[in-house]
C-alpha atoms as a PDB file:
ATOM      1  CA  UNK A   1     174.178 -68.661 -29.787  1.00  0.00           C
ATOM      2  CA  UNK A   2     171.695 -68.153 -32.639  1.00  0.00           C
ATOM      3  CA  UNK A   3     168.215 -69.620 -32.553  1.00  0.00           C
ATOM      4  CA  UNK A   4     166.917 -71.346 -35.692  1.00  0.00           C
ATOM      5  CA  UNK A   5     163.458 -70.082 -34.791  1.00  0.00           C
ATOM      6  CA  UNK A   6     163.834 -66.727 -32.992  1.00  0.00           C
ATOM      7  CA  UNK A   7     160.093 -66.037 -33.095  1.00  0.00           C
ATOM      8  CA  UNK A   8     158.400 -69.349 -32.386  1.00  0.00           C
ATOM      9  CA  UNK A   9     155.085 -67.744 -31.554  1.00  0.00           C
ATOM     10  CA  UNK A  10     154.772 -65.995 -34.928  1.00  0.00           C
ATOM     11  CA  UNK A  11     154.496 -69.295 -36.773  1.00  0.00           C
ATOM     12  CA  UNK A  12     151.586 -70.431 -34.656  1.00  0.00           C
ATOM     13  CA  UNK A  13     149.941 -67.034 -35.041  1.00  0.00           C
ATOM     14  CA  UNK A  14     150.230 -67.221 -38.813  1.00  0.00           C
ATOM     15  CA  UNK A  15     148.701 -70.701 -39.106  1.00  0.00           C
ATOM     16  CA  UNK A  16     145.061 -69.522 -39.180  1.00  0.00           C
ATOM     17  CA  UNK A  17     145.956 -67.056 -41.934  1.00  0.00           C
ATOM     18  CA  UNK A  18     147.803 -69.745 -43.893  1.00  0.00           C
ATOM     19  CA  UNK A  19     144.848 -72.065 -43.489  1.00  0.00           C
ATOM     20  CA  UNK A  20     142.562 -69.398 -44.964  1.00  0.00           C
ATOM     21  CA  UNK A  21     144.879 -69.005 -47.951  1.00  0.00           C
ATOM     22  CA  UNK A  22     144.741 -72.752 -48.525  1.00  0.00           C
ATOM     23  CA  UNK A  23     140.928 -72.644 -48.325  1.00  0.00           C
ATOM     24  CA  UNK A  24     140.774 -69.757 -50.820  1.00  0.00           C
ATOM     25  CA  UNK A  25     142.652 -71.818 -53.387  1.00  0.00           C
ATOM     26  CA  UNK A  26     140.784 -75.054 -52.679  1.00  0.00           C
ATOM     27  CA  UNK A  27     138.499 -76.228 -55.506  1.00  0.00           C
ATOM     28  CA  UNK A  28     134.876 -75.129 -55.210  1.00  0.00           C
ATOM     29  CA  UNK A  29     132.133 -77.788 -55.119  1.00  0.00           C
ATOM     30  CA  UNK A  30     131.252 -78.809 -58.660  1.00  0.00           C
ATOM     31  CA  UNK A  31     127.927 -80.523 -57.979  1.00  0.00           C
ATOM     32  CA  UNK A  32     125.233 -80.978 -55.344  1.00  0.00           C
ATOM     33  CA  UNK A  33     126.902 -83.970 -53.696  1.00  0.00           C
ATOM     34  CA  UNK A  34     130.136 -82.036 -53.193  1.00  0.00           C
ATOM     35  CA  UNK A  35     128.188 -79.080 -51.800  1.00  0.00           C
ATOM     36  CA  UNK A  36     126.428 -81.382 -49.322  1.00  0.00           C
ATOM     37  CA  UNK A  37     129.871 -82.662 -48.273  1.00  0.00           C
ATOM     38  CA  UNK A  38     130.994 -79.060 -47.702  1.00  0.00           C
ATOM     39  CA  UNK A  39     127.941 -78.457 -45.502  1.00  0.00           C
ATOM     40  CA  UNK A  40     128.675 -81.611 -43.515  1.00  0.00           C
ATOM     41  CA  UNK A  41     132.258 -80.453 -43.030  1.00  0.00           C
ATOM     42  CA  UNK A  42     131.041 -77.009 -41.943  1.00  0.00           C
ATOM     43  CA  UNK A  43     128.811 -78.648 -39.338  1.00  0.00           C
ATOM     44  CA  UNK A  44     131.689 -80.809 -38.112  1.00  0.00           C
ATOM     45  CA  UNK A  45     133.775 -77.646 -37.716  1.00  0.00           C
ATOM     46  CA  UNK A  46     130.850 -76.058 -35.816  1.00  0.00           C
ATOM     47  CA  UNK A  47     130.621 -73.241 -38.373  1.00  0.00           C
ATOM     48  CA  UNK A  48     126.912 -74.011 -38.751  1.00  0.00           C
ATOM     49  CA  UNK A  49     124.522 -76.034 -36.607  1.00  0.00           C
ATOM     50  CA  UNK A  50     122.518 -79.042 -37.728  1.00  0.00           C
ATOM     51  CA  UNK A  51     119.312 -77.019 -38.174  1.00  0.00           C
ATOM     52  CA  UNK A  52     121.048 -74.621 -40.560  1.00  0.00           C
ATOM     53  CA  UNK A  53     122.540 -77.511 -42.504  1.00  0.00           C
ATOM     54  CA  UNK A  54     119.149 -79.221 -42.801  1.00  0.00           C
ATOM     55  CA  UNK A  55     117.491 -76.039 -44.065  1.00  0.00           C
ATOM     56  CA  UNK A  56     120.164 -75.472 -46.714  1.00  0.00           C
ATOM     57  CA  UNK A  57     119.874 -79.090 -47.827  1.00  0.00           C
ATOM     58  CA  UNK A  58     116.092 -78.618 -47.884  1.00  0.00           C
ATOM     59  CA  UNK A  59     116.500 -75.672 -50.249  1.00  0.00           C
ATOM     60  CA  UNK A  60     118.705 -77.810 -52.510  1.00  0.00           C
ATOM     61  CA  UNK A  61     116.096 -80.562 -52.565  1.00  0.00           C
ATOM     62  CA  UNK A  62     113.236 -78.142 -53.304  1.00  0.00           C
ATOM     63  CA  UNK A  63     115.140 -76.745 -56.281  1.00  0.00           C
ATOM     64  CA  UNK A  64     114.934 -80.166 -57.950  1.00  0.00           C
ATOM     65  CA  UNK A  65     111.324 -81.046 -57.113  1.00  0.00           C
ATOM     66  CA  UNK A  66     108.162 -80.610 -59.131  1.00  0.00           C
ATOM     67  CA  UNK A  67     104.707 -79.772 -57.839  1.00  0.00           C
ATOM     68  CA  UNK A  68     103.508 -83.367 -58.259  1.00  0.00           C
ATOM     69  CA  UNK A  69     106.187 -84.502 -55.769  1.00  0.00           C
ATOM     70  CA  UNK A  70     104.774 -82.622 -52.792  1.00  0.00           C
ATOM     71  CA  UNK A  71     101.153 -81.755 -53.617  1.00  0.00           C
ATOM     72  CA  UNK A  72      98.197 -82.959 -51.560  1.00  0.00           C
ATOM     73  CA  UNK A  73      96.389 -85.496 -53.812  1.00  0.00           C
ATOM     74  CA  UNK A  74      92.764 -84.879 -54.785  1.00  0.00           C
ATOM     75  CA  UNK A  75      91.598 -87.767 -52.594  1.00  0.00           C
ATOM     76  CA  UNK A  76      92.758 -85.818 -49.528  1.00  0.00           C
ATOM     77  CA  UNK A  77      91.475 -82.395 -50.556  1.00  0.00           C
ATOM     78  CA  UNK A  78      88.854 -80.700 -48.396  1.00  0.00           C
ATOM     79  CA  UNK A  79      86.445 -78.822 -50.644  1.00  0.00           C
ATOM     80  CA  UNK A  80      83.284 -76.710 -50.381  1.00  0.00           C
ATOM     81  CA  UNK A  81      80.371 -77.113 -52.793  1.00  0.00           C
ATOM     82  CA  UNK A  82      79.223 -73.798 -54.211  1.00  0.00           C
ATOM     83  CA  UNK A  83      75.588 -74.682 -53.416  1.00  0.00           C
ATOM     84  CA  UNK A  84      76.193 -75.267 -49.702  1.00  0.00           C
ATOM     85  CA  UNK A  85      74.667 -72.771 -47.317  1.00  0.00           C
ATOM     86  CA  UNK A  86      76.376 -71.298 -44.266  1.00  0.00           C
ATOM     87  CA  UNK A  87      75.067 -73.938 -41.854  1.00  0.00           C
ATOM     88  CA  UNK A  88      76.371 -76.724 -44.104  1.00  0.00           C
ATOM     89  CA  UNK A  89      79.871 -75.393 -44.727  1.00  0.00           C
ATOM     90  CA  UNK A  90      80.696 -74.130 -41.224  1.00  0.00           C
ATOM     91  CA  UNK A  91      81.110 -77.652 -39.759  1.00  0.00           C
ATOM     92  CA  UNK A  92      83.476 -78.534 -42.642  1.00  0.00           C
ATOM     93  CA  UNK A  93      85.631 -75.495 -41.929  1.00  0.00           C
ATOM     94  CA  UNK A  94      85.678 -76.026 -38.169  1.00  0.00           C
ATOM     95  CA  UNK A  95      86.442 -79.754 -38.367  1.00  0.00           C
ATOM     96  CA  UNK A  96      89.258 -79.447 -40.909  1.00  0.00           C
ATOM     97  CA  UNK A  97      90.989 -76.490 -39.270  1.00  0.00           C
ATOM     98  CA  UNK A  98      92.131 -75.240 -42.686  1.00  0.00           C
ATOM     99  CA  UNK A  99      92.085 -71.584 -43.674  1.00  0.00           C
ATOM    100  CA  UNK A 100      91.510 -71.995 -47.449  1.00  0.00           C
ATOM    101  CA  UNK A 101      89.126 -74.231 -49.377  1.00  0.00           C
ATOM    102  CA  UNK A 102      88.594 -74.885 -53.089  1.00  0.00           C
ATOM    103  CA  UNK A 103      84.959 -74.176 -54.001  1.00  0.00           C
ATOM    104  CA  UNK A 104      83.767 -76.721 -56.555  1.00  0.00           C
ATOM    105  CA  UNK A 105      80.917 -76.793 -59.043  1.00  0.00           C
ATOM    106  CA  UNK A 106      79.448 -80.240 -59.722  1.00  0.00           C
ATOM    107  CA  UNK A 107      82.746 -82.077 -59.140  1.00  0.00           C
ATOM    108  CA  UNK A 108      86.362 -81.487 -58.126  1.00  0.00           C
ATOM    109  CA  UNK A 109      87.457 -80.915 -61.726  1.00  0.00           C
ATOM    110  CA  UNK A 110      85.324 -77.761 -61.897  1.00  0.00           C
ATOM    111  CA  UNK A 111      86.600 -75.201 -59.405  1.00  0.00           C
ATOM    112  CA  UNK A 112      84.889 -71.815 -59.121  1.00  0.00           C
ATOM    113  CA  UNK A 113      87.390 -70.270 -56.731  1.00  0.00           C
ATOM    114  CA  UNK A 114      88.968 -70.326 -53.270  1.00  0.00           C
ATOM    115  CA  UNK A 115      87.145 -69.607 -50.020  1.00  0.00           C
ATOM    116  CA  UNK A 116      89.096 -67.998 -47.187  1.00  0.00           C
ATOM    117  CA  UNK A 117      87.667 -69.009 -43.826  1.00  0.00           C
ATOM    118  CA  UNK A 118      88.093 -65.469 -42.490  1.00  0.00           C
ATOM    119  CA  UNK A 119      85.758 -64.133 -45.195  1.00  0.00           C
ATOM    120  CA  UNK A 120      82.738 -65.830 -43.644  1.00  0.00           C
ATOM    121  CA  UNK A 121      83.323 -64.620 -40.072  1.00  0.00           C
ATOM    122  CA  UNK A 122      80.919 -61.707 -40.452  1.00  0.00           C
ATOM    123  CA  UNK A 123      78.177 -64.060 -41.650  1.00  0.00           C
ATOM    124  CA  UNK A 124      78.932 -66.758 -39.075  1.00  0.00           C
ATOM    125  CA  UNK A 125      78.490 -64.446 -36.085  1.00  0.00           C
ATOM    126  CA  UNK A 126      75.856 -62.098 -37.470  1.00  0.00           C
ATOM    127  CA  UNK A 127      73.346 -63.615 -39.848  1.00  0.00           C
ATOM    128  CA  UNK A 128      71.577 -60.263 -40.140  1.00  0.00           C
ATOM    129  CA  UNK A 129      74.558 -58.510 -41.733  1.00  0.00           C
ATOM    130  CA  UNK A 130      73.347 -59.349 -45.244  1.00  0.00           C
ATOM    131  CA  UNK A 131      72.196 -62.377 -47.183  1.00  0.00           C
ATOM    132  CA  UNK A 132      74.979 -64.932 -47.473  1.00  0.00           C
ATOM    133  CA  UNK A 133      76.175 -65.683 -51.010  1.00  0.00           C
ATOM    134  CA  UNK A 134      79.241 -67.867 -51.439  1.00  0.00           C
ATOM    135  CA  UNK A 135      79.905 -66.690 -54.998  1.00  0.00           C
ATOM    136  CA  UNK A 136      80.271 -63.100 -53.770  1.00  0.00           C
ATOM    137  CA  UNK A 137      83.160 -63.797 -51.398  1.00  0.00           C
ATOM    138  CA  UNK A 138      85.288 -66.475 -53.065  1.00  0.00           C
ATOM    139  CA  UNK A 139      88.670 -65.519 -54.502  1.00  0.00           C
ATOM    140  CA  UNK A 140      90.066 -66.507 -57.933  1.00  0.00           C
ATOM    141  CA  UNK A 141      91.624 -69.971 -58.097  1.00  0.00           C
ATOM    142  CA  UNK A 142      95.223 -70.296 -59.302  1.00  0.00           C
ATOM    143  CA  UNK A 143      95.910 -73.423 -61.350  1.00  0.00           C
ATOM    144  CA  UNK A 144      99.414 -74.790 -62.014  1.00  0.00           C
ATOM    145  CA  UNK A 145     100.550 -77.901 -63.910  1.00  0.00           C
ATOM    146  CA  UNK A 146     101.917 -80.960 -62.118  1.00  0.00           C
ATOM    147  CA  UNK A 147     105.206 -80.557 -63.955  1.00  0.00           C
ATOM    148  CA  UNK A 148     105.878 -77.043 -62.654  1.00  0.00           C
ATOM    149  CA  UNK A 149     109.056 -76.654 -60.613  1.00  0.00           C
ATOM    150  CA  UNK A 150     108.483 -75.956 -56.922  1.00  0.00           C
ATOM    151  CA  UNK A 151     111.120 -73.226 -56.643  1.00  0.00           C
ATOM    152  CA  UNK A 152     109.532 -70.757 -59.117  1.00  0.00           C
ATOM    153  CA  UNK A 153     106.109 -71.510 -57.644  1.00  0.00           C
ATOM    154  CA  UNK A 154     107.361 -70.400 -54.226  1.00  0.00           C
ATOM    155  CA  UNK A 155     108.514 -67.122 -55.796  1.00  0.00           C
ATOM    156  CA  UNK A 156     105.080 -66.673 -57.368  1.00  0.00           C
ATOM    157  CA  UNK A 157     103.377 -67.372 -54.050  1.00  0.00           C
ATOM    158  CA  UNK A 158     105.462 -64.638 -52.431  1.00  0.00           C
ATOM    159  CA  UNK A 159     105.316 -62.023 -55.187  1.00  0.00           C
ATOM    160  CA  UNK A 160     101.585 -62.425 -55.915  1.00  0.00           C
ATOM    161  CA  UNK A 161     100.670 -62.889 -52.243  1.00  0.00           C
ATOM    162  CA  UNK A 162      98.574 -66.017 -52.611  1.00  0.00           C
ATOM    163  CA  UNK A 163      98.957 -69.184 -50.573  1.00  0.00           C
ATOM    164  CA  UNK A 164      97.209 -71.963 -52.462  1.00  0.00           C
ATOM    165  CA  UNK A 165      97.187 -73.308 -56.005  1.00  0.00           C
ATOM    166  CA  UNK A 166      95.236 -76.130 -57.589  1.00  0.00           C
ATOM    167  CA  UNK A 167      97.264 -78.675 -59.544  1.00  0.00           C
ATOM    168  CA  UNK A 168      96.136 -79.844 -62.973  1.00  0.00           C
ATOM    169  CA  UNK A 169      97.223 -83.006 -64.758  1.00  0.00           C
ATOM    170  CA  UNK A 170      98.037 -83.256 -68.468  1.00  0.00           C
ATOM    171  CA  UNK A 171      94.349 -83.793 -69.314  1.00  0.00           C
ATOM    172  CA  UNK A 172      93.186 -80.680 -67.465  1.00  0.00           C
ATOM    173  CA  UNK A 173      91.699 -82.500 -64.492  1.00  0.00           C
ATOM    174  CA  UNK A 174      92.470 -81.472 -60.913  1.00  0.00           C
ATOM    175  CA  UNK A 175      95.017 -83.880 -59.455  1.00  0.00           C
ATOM    176  CA  UNK A 176      95.699 -82.105 -56.167  1.00  0.00           C
ATOM    177  CA  UNK A 177      96.390 -78.876 -54.339  1.00  0.00           C
ATOM    178  CA  UNK A 178      99.566 -77.236 -53.080  1.00  0.00           C
ATOM    179  CA  UNK A 179     100.073 -74.496 -50.496  1.00  0.00           C
ATOM    180  CA  UNK A 180     102.984 -72.298 -49.536  1.00  0.00           C
ATOM    181  CA  UNK A 181     103.143 -74.227 -46.256  1.00  0.00           C
ATOM    182  CA  UNK A 182     103.700 -77.490 -48.158  1.00  0.00           C
ATOM    183  CA  UNK A 183     106.762 -75.946 -49.816  1.00  0.00           C
ATOM    184  CA  UNK A 184     108.154 -74.391 -46.640  1.00  0.00           C
ATOM    185  CA  UNK A 185     107.835 -77.731 -44.830  1.00  0.00           C
ATOM    186  CA  UNK A 186     110.199 -79.218 -47.409  1.00  0.00           C
ATOM    187  CA  UNK A 187     112.799 -76.717 -46.196  1.00  0.00           C
ATOM    188  CA  UNK A 188     112.259 -76.372 -42.454  1.00  0.00           C
ATOM    189  CA  UNK A 189     110.446 -79.620 -41.668  1.00  0.00           C
ATOM    190  CA  UNK A 190     106.828 -80.152 -40.681  1.00  0.00           C
ATOM    191  CA  UNK A 191     105.063 -77.046 -39.388  1.00  0.00           C
ATOM    192  CA  UNK A 192     102.656 -77.947 -36.627  1.00  0.00           C
ATOM    193  CA  UNK A 193      99.888 -75.670 -35.429  1.00  0.00           C
ATOM    194  CA  UNK A 194      96.982 -75.804 -32.985  1.00  0.00           C
ATOM    195  CA  UNK A 195      94.869 -77.825 -35.401  1.00  0.00           C
ATOM    196  CA  UNK A 196      97.375 -80.608 -36.039  1.00  0.00           C
ATOM    197  CA  UNK A 197      96.678 -83.948 -34.405  1.00  0.00           C
ATOM    198  CA  UNK A 198      98.672 -84.431 -31.250  1.00  0.00           C
ATOM    199  CA  UNK A 199      99.392 -87.195 -28.808  1.00  0.00           C
ATOM    200  CA  UNK A 200     100.020 -86.121 -25.255  1.00  0.00           C
ATOM    201  CA  UNK A 201     102.683 -88.731 -24.600  1.00  0.00           C
ATOM    202  CA  UNK A 202     105.740 -89.727 -26.592  1.00  0.00           C
ATOM    203  CA  UNK A 203     104.495 -93.312 -26.347  1.00  0.00           C
ATOM    204  CA  UNK A 204     100.812 -94.186 -26.547  1.00  0.00           C
ATOM    205  CA  UNK A 205      99.164 -97.601 -26.451  1.00  0.00           C
ATOM    206  CA  UNK A 206      96.834 -98.067 -29.424  1.00  0.00           C
ATOM    207  CA  UNK A 207      95.580-101.603 -28.851  1.00  0.00           C
ATOM    208  CA  UNK A 208      96.924-104.924 -27.651  1.00  0.00           C
ATOM    209  CA  UNK A 209     100.655-104.904 -28.342  1.00  0.00           C
ATOM    210  CA  UNK A 210     100.653-101.979 -30.820  1.00  0.00           C
ATOM    211  CA  UNK A 211     101.927 -98.536 -29.828  1.00  0.00           C
ATOM    212  CA  UNK A 212     102.173 -95.069 -31.354  1.00  0.00           C
ATOM    213  CA  UNK A 213     105.634 -93.608 -30.715  1.00  0.00           C
ATOM    214  CA  UNK A 214     107.118 -90.236 -31.570  1.00  0.00           C
ATOM    215  CA  UNK A 215     110.276 -90.878 -33.565  1.00  0.00           C
ATOM    216  CA  UNK A 216     112.253 -88.379 -31.506  1.00  0.00           C
ATOM    217  CA  UNK A 217     111.460 -90.163 -28.245  1.00  0.00           C
ATOM    218  CA  UNK A 218     114.691 -90.318 -26.271  1.00  0.00           C
ATOM    219  CA  UNK A 219     116.191 -93.787 -26.398  1.00  0.00           C
ATOM    220  CA  UNK A 220     116.550 -93.853 -22.625  1.00  0.00           C
ATOM    221  CA  UNK A 221     112.785 -93.275 -22.270  1.00  0.00           C
ATOM    222  CA  UNK A 222     112.001 -95.894 -24.917  1.00  0.00           C
ATOM    223  CA  UNK A 223     114.195 -98.474 -23.187  1.00  0.00           C
ATOM    224  CA  UNK A 224     112.620 -97.746 -19.829  1.00  0.00           C
ATOM    225  CA  UNK A 225     109.058 -97.988 -21.147  1.00  0.00           C
ATOM    226  CA  UNK A 226     109.501-101.171 -23.185  1.00  0.00           C
ATOM    227  CA  UNK A 227     111.963-102.859 -20.834  1.00  0.00           C
ATOM    228  CA  UNK A 228     114.590-103.161 -23.583  1.00  0.00           C
ATOM    229  CA  UNK A 229     118.261-102.295 -23.953  1.00  0.00           C
ATOM    230  CA  UNK A 230     118.945-100.549 -27.245  1.00  0.00           C
ATOM    231  CA  UNK A 231     122.445 -99.064 -27.203  1.00  0.00           C
ATOM    232  CA  UNK A 232     122.081 -95.508 -25.902  1.00  0.00           C
ATOM    233  CA  UNK A 233     125.636 -94.697 -27.008  1.00  0.00           C
ATOM    234  CA  UNK A 234     124.845 -95.382 -30.670  1.00  0.00           C
ATOM    235  CA  UNK A 235     121.794 -93.090 -30.896  1.00  0.00           C
ATOM    236  CA  UNK A 236     119.938 -90.455 -28.902  1.00  0.00           C
ATOM    237  CA  UNK A 237     116.430 -91.321 -30.128  1.00  0.00           C
ATOM    238  CA  UNK A 238     114.513 -94.365 -31.312  1.00  0.00           C
ATOM    239  CA  UNK A 239     114.545 -92.825 -34.811  1.00  0.00           C
ATOM    240  CA  UNK A 240     118.310 -93.166 -34.810  1.00  0.00           C
ATOM    241  CA  UNK A 241     118.068 -96.897 -34.112  1.00  0.00           C
ATOM    242  CA  UNK A 242     115.594 -97.424 -36.970  1.00  0.00           C
ATOM    243  CA  UNK A 243     117.699 -95.406 -39.430  1.00  0.00           C
ATOM    244  CA  UNK A 244     120.851 -97.296 -38.438  1.00  0.00           C
ATOM    245  CA  UNK A 245     119.135-100.622 -38.999  1.00  0.00           C
ATOM    246  CA  UNK A 246     117.821 -99.659 -42.451  1.00  0.00           C
ATOM    247  CA  UNK A 247     120.971 -97.720 -43.372  1.00  0.00           C
ATOM    248  CA  UNK A 248     118.917 -95.067 -45.197  1.00  0.00           C
ATOM    249  CA  UNK A 249     116.255 -92.445 -44.475  1.00  0.00           C
ATOM    250  CA  UNK A 250     113.009 -94.478 -44.366  1.00  0.00           C
ATOM    251  CA  UNK A 251     109.861 -93.454 -46.197  1.00  0.00           C
ATOM    252  CA  UNK A 252     106.303 -93.620 -44.957  1.00  0.00           C
ATOM    253  CA  UNK A 253     105.109 -97.230 -44.836  1.00  0.00           C
ATOM    254  CA  UNK A 254     108.543 -98.861 -44.526  1.00  0.00           C
ATOM    255  CA  UNK A 255     108.896-101.567 -41.867  1.00  0.00           C
ATOM    256  CA  UNK A 256     111.795-103.150 -40.045  1.00  0.00           C
ATOM    257  CA  UNK A 257     112.013-105.692 -37.230  1.00  0.00           C
ATOM    258  CA  UNK A 258     114.659-105.222 -34.544  1.00  0.00           C
ATOM    259  CA  UNK A 259     114.677-107.831 -31.820  1.00  0.00           C
ATOM    260  CA  UNK A 260     111.218-108.076 -30.249  1.00  0.00           C
ATOM    261  CA  UNK A 261     109.973-104.930 -32.018  1.00  0.00           C
ATOM    262  CA  UNK A 262     108.488-104.294 -35.432  1.00  0.00           C
ATOM    263  CA  UNK A 263     108.731-100.642 -36.476  1.00  0.00           C
ATOM    264  CA  UNK A 264     106.496 -99.135 -39.162  1.00  0.00           C
ATOM    265  CA  UNK A 265     107.025 -95.554 -40.356  1.00  0.00           C
ATOM    266  CA  UNK A 266     103.731 -93.659 -40.119  1.00  0.00           C
ATOM    267  CA  UNK A 267     105.044 -90.173 -40.885  1.00  0.00           C
ATOM    268  CA  UNK A 268     108.328 -88.923 -42.321  1.00  0.00           C
ATOM    269  CA  UNK A 269     109.734 -86.267 -44.615  1.00  0.00           C
ATOM    270  CA  UNK A 270     112.920 -86.314 -46.661  1.00  0.00           C
ATOM    271  CA  UNK A 271     115.119 -85.492 -43.677  1.00  0.00           C
ATOM    272  CA  UNK A 272     113.621 -86.961 -40.546  1.00  0.00           C
ATOM    273  CA  UNK A 273     111.255 -89.536 -39.066  1.00  0.00           C
ATOM    274  CA  UNK A 274     108.246 -88.174 -37.238  1.00  0.00           C
ATOM    275  CA  UNK A 275     105.964 -90.977 -36.080  1.00  0.00           C
ATOM    276  CA  UNK A 276     106.369 -94.730 -35.671  1.00  0.00           C
ATOM    277  CA  UNK A 277     104.037 -97.630 -35.052  1.00  0.00           C
ATOM    278  CA  UNK A 278     105.698-100.160 -32.790  1.00  0.00           C
ATOM    279  CA  UNK A 279     104.391-103.712 -32.514  1.00  0.00           C
ATOM    280  CA  UNK A 280     105.845-105.704 -29.659  1.00  0.00           C
ATOM    281  CA  UNK A 281     106.289-109.449 -29.997  1.00  0.00           C
ATOM    282  CA  UNK A 282     103.871-111.450 -27.905  1.00  0.00           C
ATOM    283  CA  UNK A 283     105.182-112.860 -24.641  1.00  0.00           C
ATOM    284  CA  UNK A 284     107.696-110.015 -24.357  1.00  0.00           C
ATOM    285  CA  UNK A 285     107.394-108.297 -20.993  1.00  0.00           C
ATOM    286  CA  UNK A 286     106.783-104.539 -20.837  1.00  0.00           C
ATOM    287  CA  UNK A 287     107.023-102.927 -17.413  1.00  0.00           C
ATOM    288  CA  UNK A 288     106.851-106.391 -15.892  1.00  0.00           C
ATOM    289  CA  UNK A 289     103.734-107.404 -17.876  1.00  0.00           C
ATOM    290  CA  UNK A 290     103.397-109.573 -20.971  1.00  0.00           C
ATOM    291  CA  UNK A 291     102.700-107.543 -24.134  1.00  0.00           C
ATOM    292  CA  UNK A 292      99.644-109.567 -25.028  1.00  0.00           C
END
């Protein structure tokens, strides 16, 4: 008696190959949205992990951004005055924890150069080395327009081996500063170092019924601390609950109230929440005690 399928195992063996042929002839993504969909599908198929997907999406986002979108505004710049002596500028360097500082003349719109903190080490620990002169050790300042694309700037940072550029507005005034770290954080997320502010706990009482909470605090820990019952099957972290409620990636300053809790976003980038302020409604019990 003949068998309609004498080699049943061959068909199953050939399926992966047939699937590849189908993929080869599938249409390629025609725009960014379709490419993002491909990345999501690749993650679902476990071809890439979520970190890889986020980095690739970060690269796509950076390619569309301009310097003005991610620069540190002038109001937040830490600068050194060219007339300051060693005893005056050392506390500024130590308190800020930065490694590079614009050196200004008269005001922030007149920049003489960039001071690298490492260049003053010899003077800081041995005042007898030679007379300290700030103008002798500062490096040239690089100035870029606000409208410059971030992607070519990153290439310039790498090829010219500098890490900071001052940003000028259309009138020639200094509107901010940008570093290579600012660009890389758009791709890989916030880069924390020893000088970044830290809180020891995931949840920290600020005052009264207001708390500082890391966005990636596990939902189980959040529920236990605040004596609440957010659905632990719908999200792993408290950030997930906030994002679900808003139905979009929140920006810094956004607020939402969920039950007895008001959430305010204190820190966030384009891909994840980082820090939340949580205000608990009065008369709501936390760990058996009223919040007020």
